[in-house]
Amino acid sequence: MSKVKSNFIKVDHIPCEENASGRREKKRREEKKKEKKKKKKRREREEEEEEKKKKKRREEKKKRREEEEEKYVVRVGLFLLKTRKCSSSHLVKKPLVFHDPRISSSFL
């Protein structure tokens, strides 16, 4: 038994960074970390761009809606003037109240 034990040479632990496979492994881990960071940045950038697009679309939609409401109010006001159901001073001084639930505002 003692003979067998003497054949084994005690080797101190070699850190994995010092041998070739350890260096490759370390390099691979670092590359993975870099890729992960790149993906995260790209995802954040895409989310920001998407938010900007959504915000822009909302603003355009709101602006379009306001323009449509203004056109509607002007058309109804002109119709009332043409049919002489009210005078222009009445349109200016008092709020126009329409049966349309979306529009009940003073305009002109």
PDB file of N, CA and C in Angstrom:
ATOM      1  N   MET A   1       0.818  -1.185   0.000  1.00  0.00           N
ATOM      2  CA  MET A   1       0.000   0.000   0.000  1.00  0.00           C
ATOM      3  C   MET A   1       0.862   1.249   0.000  1.00  0.00           C
ATOM      4  N   SER A   2       1.896   1.222   0.773  1.00  0.00           N
ATOM      5  CA  SER A   2       2.762   2.390   0.831  1.00  0.00           C
ATOM      6  C   SER A   2       3.444   2.626  -0.513  1.00  0.00           C
ATOM      7  N   LYS A   3       3.664   1.537  -1.251  1.00  0.00           N
ATOM      8  CA  LYS A   3       4.281   1.658  -2.565  1.00  0.00           C
ATOM      9  C   LYS A   3       3.373   2.451  -3.510  1.00  0.00           C
ATOM     10  N   VAL A   4       2.109   2.123  -3.486  1.00  0.00           N
ATOM     11  CA  VAL A   4       1.142   2.790  -4.365  1.00  0.00           C
ATOM     12  C   VAL A   4       1.067   4.271  -4.027  1.00  0.00           C
ATOM     13  N   LYS A   5       1.054   4.571  -2.756  1.00  0.00           N
ATOM     14  CA  LYS A   5       0.958   5.965  -2.339  1.00  0.00           C
ATOM     15  C   LYS A   5       2.167   6.759  -2.801  1.00  0.00           C
ATOM     16  N   SER A   6       3.329   6.161  -2.795  1.00  0.00           N
ATOM     17  CA  SER A   6       4.536   6.892  -3.183  1.00  0.00           C
ATOM     18  C   SER A   6       4.555   7.197  -4.679  1.00  0.00           C
ATOM     19  N   ASN A   7       3.831   6.427  -5.482  1.00  0.00           N
ATOM     20  CA  ASN A   7       3.785   6.690  -6.920  1.00  0.00           C
ATOM     21  C   ASN A   7       3.011   7.974  -7.260  1.00  0.00           C
ATOM     22  N   PHE A   8       2.077   8.336  -6.408  1.00  0.00           N
ATOM     23  CA  PHE A   8       1.297   9.553  -6.659  1.00  0.00           C
ATOM     24  C   PHE A   8       2.082  10.781  -6.258  1.00  0.00           C
ATOM     25  N   ILE A   9       2.076  11.748  -7.108  1.00  0.00           N
ATOM     26  CA  ILE A   9       2.762  12.999  -6.801  1.00  0.00           C
ATOM     27  C   ILE A   9       1.702  14.020  -6.414  1.00  0.00           C
ATOM     28  N   LYS A  10       1.927  14.658  -5.292  1.00  0.00           N
ATOM     29  CA  LYS A  10       0.975  15.654  -4.841  1.00  0.00           C
ATOM     30  C   LYS A  10       1.188  16.926  -5.663  1.00  0.00           C
ATOM     31  N   VAL A  11       0.109  17.395  -6.275  1.00  0.00           N
ATOM     32  CA  VAL A  11       0.189  18.603  -7.101  1.00  0.00           C
ATOM     33  C   VAL A  11      -0.658  19.679  -6.442  1.00  0.00           C
ATOM     34  N   ASP A  12      -0.074  20.844  -6.312  1.00  0.00           N
ATOM     35  CA  ASP A  12      -0.850  21.961  -5.772  1.00  0.00           C
ATOM     36  C   ASP A  12      -1.935  22.351  -6.772  1.00  0.00           C
ATOM     37  N   HIS A  13      -2.991  22.900  -6.252  1.00  0.00           N
ATOM     38  CA  HIS A  13      -4.105  23.304  -7.121  1.00  0.00           C
ATOM     39  C   HIS A  13      -3.657  24.435  -8.043  1.00  0.00           C
ATOM     40  N   ILE A  14      -3.888  24.224  -9.329  1.00  0.00           N
ATOM     41  CA  ILE A  14      -3.542  25.257 -10.311  1.00  0.00           C
ATOM     42  C   ILE A  14      -4.817  26.036 -10.614  1.00  0.00           C
ATOM     43  N   PRO A  15      -4.817  27.327 -10.405  1.00  0.00           N
ATOM     44  CA  PRO A  15      -6.022  28.114 -10.730  1.00  0.00           C
ATOM     45  C   PRO A  15      -6.380  27.961 -12.203  1.00  0.00           C
ATOM     46  N   CYS A  16      -7.680  27.919 -12.482  1.00  0.00           N
ATOM     47  CA  CYS A  16      -8.129  27.633 -13.842  1.00  0.00           C
ATOM     48  C   CYS A  16      -7.681  28.703 -14.843  1.00  0.00           C
ATOM     49  N   GLU A  17      -7.413  29.925 -14.386  1.00  0.00           N
ATOM     50  CA  GLU A  17      -6.982  30.977 -15.310  1.00  0.00           C
ATOM     51  C   GLU A  17      -5.579  30.716 -15.854  1.00  0.00           C
ATOM     52  N   GLU A  18      -4.810  29.916 -15.132  1.00  0.00           N
ATOM     53  CA  GLU A  18      -3.421  29.715 -15.541  1.00  0.00           C
ATOM     54  C   GLU A  18      -3.254  28.665 -16.627  1.00  0.00           C
ATOM     55  N   ASN A  19      -4.195  27.728 -16.766  1.00  0.00           N
ATOM     56  CA  ASN A  19      -4.053  26.753 -17.846  1.00  0.00           C
ATOM     57  C   ASN A  19      -4.867  27.196 -19.071  1.00  0.00           C
ATOM     58  N   ALA A  20      -4.606  26.576 -20.201  1.00  0.00           N
ATOM     59  CA  ALA A  20      -5.187  27.018 -21.472  1.00  0.00           C
ATOM     60  C   ALA A  20      -6.708  26.917 -21.489  1.00  0.00           C
ATOM     61  N   SER A  21      -7.246  25.817 -21.011  1.00  0.00           N
ATOM     62  CA  SER A  21      -8.706  25.660 -21.041  1.00  0.00           C
ATOM     63  C   SER A  21      -9.372  26.682 -20.118  1.00  0.00           C
ATOM     64  N   GLY A  22      -8.708  26.999 -19.023  1.00  0.00           N
ATOM     65  CA  GLY A  22      -9.226  28.006 -18.095  1.00  0.00           C
ATOM     66  C   GLY A  22      -9.269  29.383 -18.728  1.00  0.00           C
ATOM     67  N   ARG A  23      -8.223  29.709 -19.484  1.00  0.00           N
ATOM     68  CA  ARG A  23      -8.195  31.018 -20.165  1.00  0.00           C
ATOM     69  C   ARG A  23      -9.318  31.109 -21.194  1.00  0.00           C
ATOM     70  N   ARG A  24      -9.508  30.014 -21.936  1.00  0.00           N
ATOM     71  CA  ARG A  24     -10.587  29.996 -22.938  1.00  0.00           C
ATOM     72  C   ARG A  24     -11.949  30.183 -22.265  1.00  0.00           C
ATOM     73  N   GLU A  25     -12.111  29.487 -21.155  1.00  0.00           N
ATOM     74  CA  GLU A  25     -13.376  29.570 -20.411  1.00  0.00           C
ATOM     75  C   GLU A  25     -13.625  31.000 -19.913  1.00  0.00           C
ATOM     76  N   LYS A  26     -12.579  31.603 -19.380  1.00  0.00           N
ATOM     77  CA  LYS A  26     -12.691  32.970 -18.870  1.00  0.00           C
ATOM     78  C   LYS A  26     -13.049  33.927 -20.007  1.00  0.00           C
ATOM     79  N   LYS A  27     -12.374  33.763 -21.141  1.00  0.00           N
ATOM     80  CA  LYS A  27     -12.631  34.604 -22.308  1.00  0.00           C
ATOM     81  C   LYS A  27     -14.086  34.447 -22.767  1.00  0.00           C
ATOM     82  N   ARG A  28     -14.552  33.218 -22.794  1.00  0.00           N
ATOM     83  CA  ARG A  28     -15.925  32.934 -23.226  1.00  0.00           C
ATOM     84  C   ARG A  28     -16.943  33.593 -22.288  1.00  0.00           C
ATOM     85  N   ARG A  29     -16.679  33.524 -20.972  1.00  0.00           N
ATOM     86  CA  ARG A  29     -17.570  34.159 -20.000  1.00  0.00           C
ATOM     87  C   ARG A  29     -17.611  35.670 -20.194  1.00  0.00           C
ATOM     88  N   GLU A  30     -16.435  36.271 -20.424  1.00  0.00           N
ATOM     89  CA  GLU A  30     -16.378  37.718 -20.641  1.00  0.00           C
ATOM     90  C   GLU A  30     -17.143  38.114 -21.903  1.00  0.00           C
ATOM     91  N   GLU A  31     -16.994  37.311 -22.958  1.00  0.00           N
ATOM     92  CA  GLU A  31     -17.719  37.592 -24.201  1.00  0.00           C
ATOM     93  C   GLU A  31     -19.230  37.487 -23.988  1.00  0.00           C
ATOM     94  N   LYS A  32     -19.644  36.501 -23.200  1.00  0.00           N
ATOM     95  CA  LYS A  32     -21.067  36.351 -22.896  1.00  0.00           C
ATOM     96  C   LYS A  32     -21.593  37.584 -22.171  1.00  0.00           C
ATOM     97  N   LYS A  33     -20.801  38.076 -21.208  1.00  0.00           N
ATOM     98  CA  LYS A  33     -21.203  39.266 -20.461  1.00  0.00           C
ATOM     99  C   LYS A  33     -21.346  40.463 -21.394  1.00  0.00           C
ATOM    100  N   LYS A  34     -20.370  40.628 -22.306  1.00  0.00           N
ATOM    101  CA  LYS A  34     -20.423  41.736 -23.261  1.00  0.00           C
ATOM    102  C   LYS A  34     -21.663  41.636 -24.147  1.00  0.00           C
ATOM    103  N   GLU A  35     -21.932  40.425 -24.636  1.00  0.00           N
ATOM    104  CA  GLU A  35     -23.111  40.212 -25.491  1.00  0.00           C
ATOM    105  C   GLU A  35     -24.392  40.543 -24.729  1.00  0.00           C
ATOM    106  N   LYS A  36     -24.428  40.128 -23.468  1.00  0.00           N
ATOM    107  CA  LYS A  36     -25.602  40.382 -22.644  1.00  0.00           C
ATOM    108  C   LYS A  36     -25.815  41.889 -22.475  1.00  0.00           C
ATOM    109  N   LYS A  37     -24.721  42.622 -22.221  1.00  0.00           N
ATOM    110  CA  LYS A  37     -24.809  44.073 -22.070  1.00  0.00           C
ATOM    111  C   LYS A  37     -25.294  44.721 -23.361  1.00  0.00           C
ATOM    112  N   LYS A  38     -24.745  44.259 -24.500  1.00  0.00           N
ATOM    113  CA  LYS A  38     -25.152  44.801 -25.799  1.00  0.00           C
ATOM    114  C   LYS A  38     -26.644  44.578 -26.031  1.00  0.00           C
ATOM    115  N   LYS A  39     -27.111  43.360 -25.740  1.00  0.00           N
ATOM    116  CA  LYS A  39     -28.525  43.043 -25.927  1.00  0.00           C
ATOM    117  C   LYS A  39     -29.395  43.925 -25.046  1.00  0.00           C
ATOM    118  N   LYS A  40     -28.959  44.124 -23.804  1.00  0.00           N
ATOM    119  CA  LYS A  40     -29.724  44.938 -22.867  1.00  0.00           C
ATOM    120  C   LYS A  40     -29.817  46.377 -23.366  1.00  0.00           C
ATOM    121  N   LYS A  41     -28.684  46.929 -23.816  1.00  0.00           N
ATOM    122  CA  LYS A  41     -28.674  48.298 -24.332  1.00  0.00           C
ATOM    123  C   LYS A  41     -29.572  48.424 -25.557  1.00  0.00           C
ATOM    124  N   ARG A  42     -29.456  47.442 -26.470  1.00  0.00           N
ATOM    125  CA  ARG A  42     -30.267  47.458 -27.688  1.00  0.00           C
ATOM    126  C   ARG A  42     -31.752  47.407 -27.337  1.00  0.00           C
ATOM    127  N   ARG A  43     -32.113  46.542 -26.386  1.00  0.00           N
ATOM    128  CA  ARG A  43     -33.511  46.410 -25.968  1.00  0.00           C
ATOM    129  C   ARG A  43     -34.019  47.720 -25.363  1.00  0.00           C
ATOM    130  N   GLU A  44     -33.187  48.358 -24.515  1.00  0.00           N
ATOM    131  CA  GLU A  44     -33.573  49.634 -23.909  1.00  0.00           C
ATOM    132  C   GLU A  44     -33.770  50.698 -24.982  1.00  0.00           C
ATOM    133  N   ARG A  45     -32.847  50.739 -25.942  1.00  0.00           N
ATOM    134  CA  ARG A  45     -32.941  51.709 -27.033  1.00  0.00           C
ATOM    135  C   ARG A  45     -34.234  51.501 -27.835  1.00  0.00           C
ATOM    136  N   GLU A  46     -34.529  50.238 -28.146  1.00  0.00           N
ATOM    137  CA  GLU A  46     -35.744  49.919 -28.903  1.00  0.00           C
ATOM    138  C   GLU A  46     -36.994  50.312 -28.122  1.00  0.00           C
ATOM    139  N   GLU A  47     -36.988  50.073 -26.817  1.00  0.00           N
ATOM    140  CA  GLU A  47     -38.137  50.444 -25.985  1.00  0.00           C
ATOM    141  C   GLU A  47     -38.324  51.955 -25.976  1.00  0.00           C
ATOM    142  N   GLU A  48     -37.222  52.706 -25.869  1.00  0.00           N
ATOM    143  CA  GLU A  48     -37.303  54.165 -25.891  1.00  0.00           C
ATOM    144  C   GLU A  48     -37.868  54.654 -27.222  1.00  0.00           C
ATOM    145  N   GLU A  49     -37.376  54.081 -28.321  1.00  0.00           N
ATOM    146  CA  GLU A  49     -37.868  54.469 -29.640  1.00  0.00           C
ATOM    147  C   GLU A  49     -39.357  54.158 -29.771  1.00  0.00           C
ATOM    148  N   GLU A  50     -39.763  53.002 -29.259  1.00  0.00           N
ATOM    149  CA  GLU A  50     -41.165  52.613 -29.319  1.00  0.00           C
ATOM    150  C   GLU A  50     -42.029  53.590 -28.521  1.00  0.00           C
ATOM    151  N   GLU A  51     -41.547  53.979 -27.333  1.00  0.00           N
ATOM    152  CA  GLU A  51     -42.277  54.946 -26.510  1.00  0.00           C
ATOM    153  C   GLU A  51     -42.416  56.280 -27.240  1.00  0.00           C
ATOM    154  N   LYS A  52     -41.319  56.723 -27.886  1.00  0.00           N
ATOM    155  CA  LYS A  52     -41.368  57.976 -28.641  1.00  0.00           C
ATOM    156  C   LYS A  52     -42.400  57.895 -29.755  1.00  0.00           C
ATOM    157  N   LYS A  53     -42.407  56.767 -30.478  1.00  0.00           N
ATOM    158  CA  LYS A  53     -43.369  56.586 -31.571  1.00  0.00           C
ATOM    159  C   LYS A  53     -44.801  56.617 -31.046  1.00  0.00           C
ATOM    160  N   LYS A  54     -45.043  55.918 -29.926  1.00  0.00           N
ATOM    161  CA  LYS A  54     -46.383  55.893 -29.345  1.00  0.00           C
ATOM    162  C   LYS A  54     -46.818  57.294 -28.932  1.00  0.00           C
ATOM    163  N   LYS A  55     -45.897  58.023 -28.299  1.00  0.00           N
ATOM    164  CA  LYS A  55     -46.207  59.373 -27.842  1.00  0.00           C
ATOM    165  C   LYS A  55     -46.524  60.274 -29.036  1.00  0.00           C
ATOM    166  N   LYS A  56     -45.719  60.157 -30.081  1.00  0.00           N
ATOM    167  CA  LYS A  56     -45.932  60.960 -31.284  1.00  0.00           C
ATOM    168  C   LYS A  56     -47.288  60.635 -31.908  1.00  0.00           C
ATOM    169  N   ARG A  57     -47.615  59.340 -32.001  1.00  0.00           N
ATOM    170  CA  ARG A  57     -48.906  58.920 -32.561  1.00  0.00           C
ATOM    171  C   ARG A  57     -50.061  59.480 -31.742  1.00  0.00           C
ATOM    172  N   ARG A  58     -49.933  59.410 -30.401  1.00  0.00           N
ATOM    173  CA  ARG A  58     -50.984  59.944 -29.523  1.00  0.00           C
ATOM    174  C   ARG A  58     -51.186  61.429 -29.758  1.00  0.00           C
ATOM    175  N   GLU A  59     -50.057  62.168 -29.845  1.00  0.00           N
ATOM    176  CA  GLU A  59     -50.146  63.610 -30.061  1.00  0.00           C
ATOM    177  C   GLU A  59     -50.789  63.927 -31.409  1.00  0.00           C
ATOM    178  N   GLU A  60     -50.394  63.190 -32.449  1.00  0.00           N
ATOM    179  CA  GLU A  60     -50.979  63.413 -33.772  1.00  0.00           C
ATOM    180  C   GLU A  60     -52.476  63.112 -33.761  1.00  0.00           C
ATOM    181  N   LYS A  61     -52.849  62.035 -33.098  1.00  0.00           N
ATOM    182  CA  LYS A  61     -54.254  61.661 -33.011  1.00  0.00           C
ATOM    183  C   LYS A  61     -55.052  62.744 -32.286  1.00  0.00           C
ATOM    184  N   LYS A  62     -54.499  63.239 -31.183  1.00  0.00           N
ATOM    185  CA  LYS A  62     -55.154  64.282 -30.401  1.00  0.00           C
ATOM    186  C   LYS A  62     -55.304  65.551 -31.236  1.00  0.00           C
ATOM    187  N   LYS A  63     -54.242  65.918 -31.943  1.00  0.00           N
ATOM    188  CA  LYS A  63     -54.263  67.113 -32.781  1.00  0.00           C
ATOM    189  C   LYS A  63     -55.313  66.972 -33.886  1.00  0.00           C
ATOM    190  N   ARG A  64     -55.339  65.806 -34.537  1.00  0.00           N
ATOM    191  CA  ARG A  64     -56.309  65.548 -35.596  1.00  0.00           C
ATOM    192  C   ARG A  64     -57.735  65.653 -35.058  1.00  0.00           C
ATOM    193  N   ARG A  65     -57.968  65.076 -33.872  1.00  0.00           N
ATOM    194  CA  ARG A  65     -59.291  65.115 -33.255  1.00  0.00           C
ATOM    195  C   ARG A  65     -59.714  66.553 -32.976  1.00  0.00           C
ATOM    196  N   GLU A  66     -58.781  67.357 -32.442  1.00  0.00           N
ATOM    197  CA  GLU A  66     -59.081  68.761 -32.158  1.00  0.00           C
ATOM    198  C   GLU A  66     -59.414  69.516 -33.439  1.00  0.00           C
ATOM    199  N   GLU A  67     -58.650  69.260 -34.502  1.00  0.00           N
ATOM    200  CA  GLU A  67     -58.918  69.919 -35.779  1.00  0.00           C
ATOM    201  C   GLU A  67     -60.297  69.537 -36.307  1.00  0.00           C
ATOM    202  N   GLU A  68     -60.651  68.256 -36.185  1.00  0.00           N
ATOM    203  CA  GLU A  68     -61.972  67.805 -36.642  1.00  0.00           C
ATOM    204  C   GLU A  68     -63.077  68.487 -35.838  1.00  0.00           C
ATOM    205  N   GLU A  69     -62.875  68.603 -34.521  1.00  0.00           N
ATOM    206  CA  GLU A  69     -63.873  69.268 -33.677  1.00  0.00           C
ATOM    207  C   GLU A  69     -64.024  70.729 -34.076  1.00  0.00           C
ATOM    208  N   GLU A  70     -62.902  71.408 -34.329  1.00  0.00           N
ATOM    209  CA  GLU A  70     -62.959  72.811 -34.744  1.00  0.00           C
ATOM    210  C   GLU A  70     -63.719  72.950 -36.057  1.00  0.00           C
ATOM    211  N   LYS A  71     -63.422  72.071 -37.016  1.00  0.00           N
ATOM    212  CA  LYS A  71     -64.117  72.113 -38.304  1.00  0.00           C
ATOM    213  C   LYS A  71     -65.611  71.909 -38.104  1.00  0.00           C
ATOM    214  N   TYR A  72     -65.954  70.970 -37.234  1.00  0.00           N
ATOM    215  CA  TYR A  72     -67.358  70.677 -36.975  1.00  0.00           C
ATOM    216  C   TYR A  72     -68.056  71.893 -36.383  1.00  0.00           C
ATOM    217  N   VAL A  73     -67.427  72.518 -35.400  1.00  0.00           N
ATOM    218  CA  VAL A  73     -68.010  73.688 -34.743  1.00  0.00           C
ATOM    219  C   VAL A  73     -68.188  74.821 -35.743  1.00  0.00           C
ATOM    220  N   VAL A  74     -67.190  75.048 -36.582  1.00  0.00           N
ATOM    221  CA  VAL A  74     -67.277  76.122 -37.577  1.00  0.00           C
ATOM    222  C   VAL A  74     -68.412  75.831 -38.553  1.00  0.00           C
ATOM    223  N   ARG A  75     -68.515  74.587 -39.018  1.00  0.00           N
ATOM    224  CA  ARG A  75     -69.577  74.233 -39.974  1.00  0.00           C
ATOM    225  C   ARG A  75     -70.958  74.445 -39.363  1.00  0.00           C
ATOM    226  N   VAL A  76     -71.123  74.005 -38.108  1.00  0.00           N
ATOM    227  CA  VAL A  76     -72.424  74.165 -37.457  1.00  0.00           C
ATOM    228  C   VAL A  76     -72.722  75.638 -37.238  1.00  0.00           C
ATOM    229  N   GLY A  77     -71.712  76.406 -36.818  1.00  0.00           N
ATOM    230  CA  GLY A  77     -71.898  77.848 -36.617  1.00  0.00           C
ATOM    231  C   GLY A  77     -72.286  78.542 -37.903  1.00  0.00           C
ATOM    232  N   LEU A  78     -71.613  78.212 -38.999  1.00  0.00           N
ATOM    233  CA  LEU A  78     -71.940  78.814 -40.296  1.00  0.00           C
ATOM    234  C   LEU A  78     -73.339  78.407 -40.744  1.00  0.00           C
ATOM    235  N   PHE A  79     -73.699  77.161 -40.493  1.00  0.00           N
ATOM    236  CA  PHE A  79     -75.043  76.704 -40.849  1.00  0.00           C
ATOM    237  C   PHE A  79     -76.094  77.509 -40.093  1.00  0.00           C
ATOM    238  N   LEU A  80     -75.853  77.721 -38.791  1.00  0.00           N
ATOM    239  CA  LEU A  80     -76.804  78.500 -37.987  1.00  0.00           C
ATOM    240  C   LEU A  80     -76.905  79.932 -38.497  1.00  0.00           C
ATOM    241  N   LEU A  81     -75.767  80.505 -38.906  1.00  0.00           N
ATOM    242  CA  LEU A  81     -75.781  81.869 -39.441  1.00  0.00           C
ATOM    243  C   LEU A  81     -76.555  81.927 -40.761  1.00  0.00           C
ATOM    244  N   LYS A  82     -76.327  80.939 -41.618  1.00  0.00           N
ATOM    245  CA  LYS A  82     -76.984  80.934 -42.931  1.00  0.00           C
ATOM    246  C   LYS A  82     -78.492  80.764 -42.794  1.00  0.00           C
ATOM    247  N   THR A  83     -78.893  79.928 -41.888  1.00  0.00           N
ATOM    248  CA  THR A  83     -80.334  79.697 -41.716  1.00  0.00           C
ATOM    249  C   THR A  83     -80.955  80.768 -40.827  1.00  0.00           C
ATOM    250  N   ARG A  84     -80.141  81.679 -40.338  1.00  0.00           N
ATOM    251  CA  ARG A  84     -80.568  82.811 -39.507  1.00  0.00           C
ATOM    252  C   ARG A  84     -81.308  82.370 -38.235  1.00  0.00           C
ATOM    253  N   LYS A  85     -80.870  81.264 -37.709  1.00  0.00           N
ATOM    254  CA  LYS A  85     -81.457  80.815 -36.444  1.00  0.00           C
ATOM    255  C   LYS A  85     -80.821  81.546 -35.265  1.00  0.00           C
ATOM    256  N   CYS A  86     -79.668  82.156 -35.511  1.00  0.00           N
ATOM    257  CA  CYS A  86     -79.055  82.990 -34.484  1.00  0.00           C
ATOM    258  C   CYS A  86     -78.138  83.989 -35.170  1.00  0.00           C
ATOM    259  N   SER A  87     -77.843  85.061 -34.486  1.00  0.00           N
ATOM    260  CA  SER A  87     -76.996  86.099 -35.077  1.00  0.00           C
ATOM    261  C   SER A  87     -75.534  85.814 -34.779  1.00  0.00           C
ATOM    262  N   SER A  88     -74.647  86.510 -35.481  1.00  0.00           N
ATOM    263  CA  SER A  88     -73.214  86.311 -35.258  1.00  0.00           C
ATOM    264  C   SER A  88     -72.812  86.762 -33.864  1.00  0.00           C
ATOM    265  N   SER A  89     -73.457  87.820 -33.338  1.00  0.00           N
ATOM    266  CA  SER A  89     -73.121  88.281 -31.988  1.00  0.00           C
ATOM    267  C   SER A  89     -73.513  87.221 -30.959  1.00  0.00           C
ATOM    268  N   HIS A  90     -74.607  86.523 -31.220  1.00  0.00           N
ATOM    269  CA  HIS A  90     -75.027  85.453 -30.318  1.00  0.00           C
ATOM    270  C   HIS A  90     -73.992  84.324 -30.311  1.00  0.00           C
ATOM    271  N   LEU A  91     -73.455  84.017 -31.493  1.00  0.00           N
ATOM    272  CA  LEU A  91     -72.441  82.966 -31.588  1.00  0.00           C
ATOM    273  C   LEU A  91     -71.180  83.344 -30.834  1.00  0.00           C
ATOM    274  N   VAL A  92     -70.820  84.616 -30.876  1.00  0.00           N
ATOM    275  CA  VAL A  92     -69.586  85.061 -30.233  1.00  0.00           C
ATOM    276  C   VAL A  92     -69.769  85.169 -28.723  1.00  0.00           C
ATOM    277  N   LYS A  93     -70.899  85.719 -28.288  1.00  0.00           N
ATOM    278  CA  LYS A  93     -71.081  86.007 -26.867  1.00  0.00           C
ATOM    279  C   LYS A  93     -71.439  84.776 -26.040  1.00  0.00           C
ATOM    280  N   LYS A  94     -72.297  83.928 -26.572  1.00  0.00           N
ATOM    281  CA  LYS A  94     -72.775  82.798 -25.779  1.00  0.00           C
ATOM    282  C   LYS A  94     -72.171  81.496 -26.289  1.00  0.00           C
ATOM    283  N   PRO A  95     -71.970  80.559 -25.383  1.00  0.00           N
ATOM    284  CA  PRO A  95     -71.388  79.281 -25.830  1.00  0.00           C
ATOM    285  C   PRO A  95     -72.365  78.515 -26.713  1.00  0.00           C
ATOM    286  N   LEU A  96     -71.799  77.863 -27.696  1.00  0.00           N
ATOM    287  CA  LEU A  96     -72.611  77.018 -28.566  1.00  0.00           C
ATOM    288  C   LEU A  96     -72.723  75.650 -27.914  1.00  0.00           C
ATOM    289  N   VAL A  97     -73.930  75.208 -27.686  1.00  0.00           N
ATOM    290  CA  VAL A  97     -74.124  73.890 -27.093  1.00  0.00           C
ATOM    291  C   VAL A  97     -74.792  73.020 -28.152  1.00  0.00           C
ATOM    292  N   PHE A  98     -74.124  71.932 -28.476  1.00  0.00           N
ATOM    293  CA  PHE A  98     -74.624  71.050 -29.520  1.00  0.00           C
ATOM    294  C   PHE A  98     -75.186  69.784 -28.904  1.00  0.00           C
ATOM    295  N   HIS A  99     -75.966  69.101 -29.680  1.00  0.00           N
ATOM    296  CA  HIS A  99     -76.503  67.827 -29.214  1.00  0.00           C
ATOM    297  C   HIS A  99     -75.461  66.726 -29.309  1.00  0.00           C
ATOM    298  N   ASP A 100     -74.418  66.979 -30.059  1.00  0.00           N
ATOM    299  CA  ASP A 100     -73.333  66.004 -30.177  1.00  0.00           C
ATOM    300  C   ASP A 100     -72.610  65.936 -28.830  1.00  0.00           C
ATOM    301  N   PRO A 101     -72.571  64.781 -28.174  1.00  0.00           N
ATOM    302  CA  PRO A 101     -71.973  64.699 -26.830  1.00  0.00           C
ATOM    303  C   PRO A 101     -70.469  64.978 -26.807  1.00  0.00           C
ATOM    304  N   ARG A 102     -69.807  64.798 -27.943  1.00  0.00           N
ATOM    305  CA  ARG A 102     -68.364  65.030 -27.961  1.00  0.00           C
ATOM    306  C   ARG A 102     -68.048  66.521 -27.899  1.00  0.00           C
ATOM    307  N   ILE A 103     -68.953  67.330 -28.434  1.00  0.00           N
ATOM    308  CA  ILE A 103     -68.649  68.760 -28.533  1.00  0.00           C
ATOM    309  C   ILE A 103     -69.719  69.543 -27.793  1.00  0.00           C
ATOM    310  N   SER A 104     -69.318  70.181 -26.732  1.00  0.00           N
ATOM    311  CA  SER A 104     -70.190  71.140 -26.064  1.00  0.00           C
ATOM    312  C   SER A 104     -69.255  72.213 -25.535  1.00  0.00           C
ATOM    313  N   SER A 105     -68.760  73.006 -26.442  1.00  0.00           N
ATOM    314  CA  SER A 105     -67.775  74.006 -26.039  1.00  0.00           C
ATOM    315  C   SER A 105     -68.094  75.323 -26.716  1.00  0.00           C
ATOM    316  N   SER A 106     -67.534  76.379 -26.186  1.00  0.00           N
ATOM    317  CA  SER A 106     -67.709  77.673 -26.841  1.00  0.00           C
ATOM    318  C   SER A 106     -66.560  77.849 -27.812  1.00  0.00           C
ATOM    319  N   PHE A 107     -66.886  78.194 -29.002  1.00  0.00           N
ATOM    320  CA  PHE A 107     -65.885  78.358 -30.045  1.00  0.00           C
ATOM    321  C   PHE A 107     -66.311  79.497 -30.938  1.00  0.00           C
ATOM    322  N   LEU A 108     -65.403  80.176 -31.527  1.00  0.00           N
ATOM    323  CA  LEU A 108     -65.590  81.351 -32.392  1.00  0.00           C
ATOM    324  C   LEU A 108     -65.475  82.609 -31.584  1.00  0.00           C
TER     325      LEU A 108
END
